[in-house]
Amino acid sequence: MPTELRKIVFSHRELIEAFDQRPNNLLGNAEAVPPGAVRGVHVFQKFGGGVKVLLDIEDETEGRLKRFNLNAEFISELLLHYCATLNIPVAREADKYLEVIGDNLALSQKIRAQEIFAEHAVEPPLDT
């Protein structure tokens, strides 16, 4: 069955905005990122696959700049929340993964056709 691929590409400015607007109840937020203003986001493609995202935060409690290496689960949840806030449609049943495109980060979606429909479809008659 054919597979549909969608990519939502986030610019550097949009990533900073998404991290700046992060809600406190996101999965992994409490231990991942302290409260504070986002000063930078750095996106890298890992050798062999995957992404690495470093976030620079001005820590409110210590008053200094700190860098955090974020896990993919937290980043994905954050970007899904950001998309929901901006009414950007995201496929519910898709396999989602992160990838680097140029200097940007993309939330990619792989949507498979319903294979069950193909299994139970009536075969067309042979033209004779």
Protein backbone atom coordinates (compact mmCIF):
# COMPACT_ATOMS: atom_id res chain seq x y z
CA MET A 1 0.00 0.00 0.00
CA PRO A 2 1.20 3.56 -0.66
CA THR A 3 2.57 5.59 2.20
CA GLU A 4 1.99 9.31 2.64
CA LEU A 5 4.76 11.46 4.11
CA ARG A 6 4.16 14.88 5.65
CA LYS A 7 6.72 17.26 7.12
CA ILE A 8 6.11 20.26 9.33
CA VAL A 9 9.32 22.27 9.23
CA PHE A 10 10.11 24.65 12.09
CA SER A 11 12.50 27.57 11.60
CA HIS A 12 14.95 28.67 14.29
CA ARG A 13 12.61 31.52 15.28
CA GLU A 14 9.62 29.14 15.51
CA LEU A 15 11.59 26.70 17.66
CA ILE A 16 12.53 29.46 20.09
CA GLU A 17 8.88 30.55 20.21
CA ALA A 18 7.69 26.96 20.78
CA PHE A 19 10.18 26.41 23.63
CA ASP A 20 9.44 29.84 25.12
CA GLN A 21 5.71 29.01 25.24
CA ARG A 22 6.20 25.52 26.67
CA PRO A 23 3.58 24.48 29.22
CA ASN A 24 4.74 23.12 32.57
CA ASN A 25 2.78 19.86 32.24
CA LEU A 26 4.59 18.50 29.18
CA LEU A 27 6.08 15.04 29.50
CA GLY A 28 9.63 15.40 30.83
CA ASN A 29 9.46 19.20 31.21
CA ALA A 30 10.09 19.40 34.94
CA GLU A 31 13.43 17.59 34.80
CA ALA A 32 14.39 18.72 31.30
CA VAL A 33 14.05 22.48 31.31
CA PRO A 34 13.94 24.94 34.23
CA PRO A 35 11.83 28.10 34.03
CA GLY A 36 13.51 30.89 32.12
CA ALA A 37 13.78 32.66 28.81
CA VAL A 38 14.98 30.71 25.78
CA ARG A 39 18.13 32.30 24.34
CA GLY A 40 19.02 29.74 21.67
CA VAL A 41 18.17 26.42 20.02
CA HIS A 42 20.80 24.31 18.25
CA VAL A 43 19.73 21.43 16.00
CA PHE A 44 22.07 18.67 14.77
CA GLN A 45 21.64 15.50 12.74
CA LYS A 46 23.15 12.53 14.60
CA PHE A 47 25.44 10.21 12.70
CA GLY A 48 23.46 7.05 12.01
CA GLY A 49 20.06 8.72 12.45
CA GLY A 50 18.15 10.78 14.95
CA VAL A 51 18.51 14.37 16.04
CA LYS A 52 20.23 16.24 18.83
CA VAL A 53 18.69 19.46 20.13
CA LEU A 54 20.48 21.75 22.56
CA LEU A 55 18.52 24.48 24.29
CA ASP A 56 20.05 27.59 25.89
CA ILE A 57 17.97 28.88 28.82
CA GLU A 58 18.54 31.85 31.06
CA ASP A 59 17.89 30.14 34.41
CA GLU A 60 15.61 32.36 36.52
CA THR A 61 16.77 30.93 39.84
CA GLU A 62 20.53 31.15 39.18
CA GLY A 63 20.49 34.10 36.79
CA ARG A 64 22.88 32.51 34.30
CA LEU A 65 22.74 30.86 30.87
CA LYS A 66 22.50 27.05 30.86
CA ARG A 67 22.51 24.55 28.00
CA PHE A 68 20.31 21.46 27.97
CA ASN A 69 20.41 18.38 25.74
CA LEU A 70 16.77 17.45 25.16
CA ASN A 71 15.33 14.01 24.48
CA ALA A 72 13.25 13.34 21.37
CA GLU A 73 10.11 12.51 23.36
CA PHE A 74 10.08 15.93 25.03
CA ILE A 75 10.78 17.75 21.76
CA SER A 76 8.02 15.85 19.95
CA GLU A 77 5.48 16.61 22.68
CA LEU A 78 6.48 20.27 22.61
CA LEU A 79 6.13 20.53 18.82
CA LEU A 80 2.76 18.73 18.87
CA HIS A 81 1.56 21.19 21.50
CA TYR A 82 2.86 24.12 19.42
CA CYS A 83 1.04 22.79 16.33
CA ALA A 84 -2.19 22.43 18.31
CA THR A 85 -1.84 26.02 19.56
CA LEU A 86 -1.48 27.29 15.97
CA ASN A 87 -4.19 24.95 14.57
CA ILE A 88 -1.67 23.14 12.36
CA PRO A 89 -3.16 19.72 11.50
CA VAL A 90 -1.16 16.66 12.54
CA ALA A 91 -2.20 13.13 11.58
CA ARG A 92 -3.30 11.28 14.69
CA GLU A 93 -2.53 7.77 13.43
CA ALA A 94 0.84 8.58 11.83
CA ASP A 95 4.27 7.36 12.86
CA LYS A 96 6.00 10.58 13.93
CA TYR A 97 9.71 11.27 14.02
CA LEU A 98 12.09 14.23 14.09
CA GLU A 99 14.61 15.06 11.38
CA VAL A 100 16.93 17.90 10.49
CA ILE A 101 16.30 19.67 7.18
CA GLY A 102 19.00 22.25 6.53
CA ASP A 103 19.17 24.40 9.67
CA ASN A 104 15.58 23.56 10.62
CA LEU A 105 13.87 20.84 12.61
CA ALA A 106 11.00 18.90 11.05
CA LEU A 107 8.24 16.87 12.65
CA SER A 108 7.77 14.18 10.01
CA GLN A 109 4.72 11.97 9.75
CA LYS A 110 4.44 8.64 7.96
CA ILE A 111 0.85 7.74 7.22
CA ARG A 112 0.17 4.23 5.98
CA ALA A 113 -2.92 3.29 4.01
CA GLN A 114 -5.33 1.00 5.81
CA GLU A 115 -4.04 -2.43 4.78
CA ILE A 116 -7.12 -4.12 6.22
CA PHE A 117 -9.18 -2.64 3.39
CA ALA A 118 -6.90 -4.22 0.79
CA GLU A 119 -7.05 -7.61 2.50
CA HIS A 120 -10.86 -7.72 2.38
CA ALA A 121 -11.42 -6.00 -0.95
CA VAL A 122 -13.32 -7.88 -3.62
CA GLU A 123 -11.11 -8.72 -6.56
CA PRO A 124 -12.17 -7.16 -9.85
CA PRO A 125 -13.39 -9.55 -12.54
CA LEU A 126 -11.03 -10.52 -15.34
CA ASP A 127 -11.88 -9.04 -18.69
CA THR A 128 -12.20 -11.86 -21.17
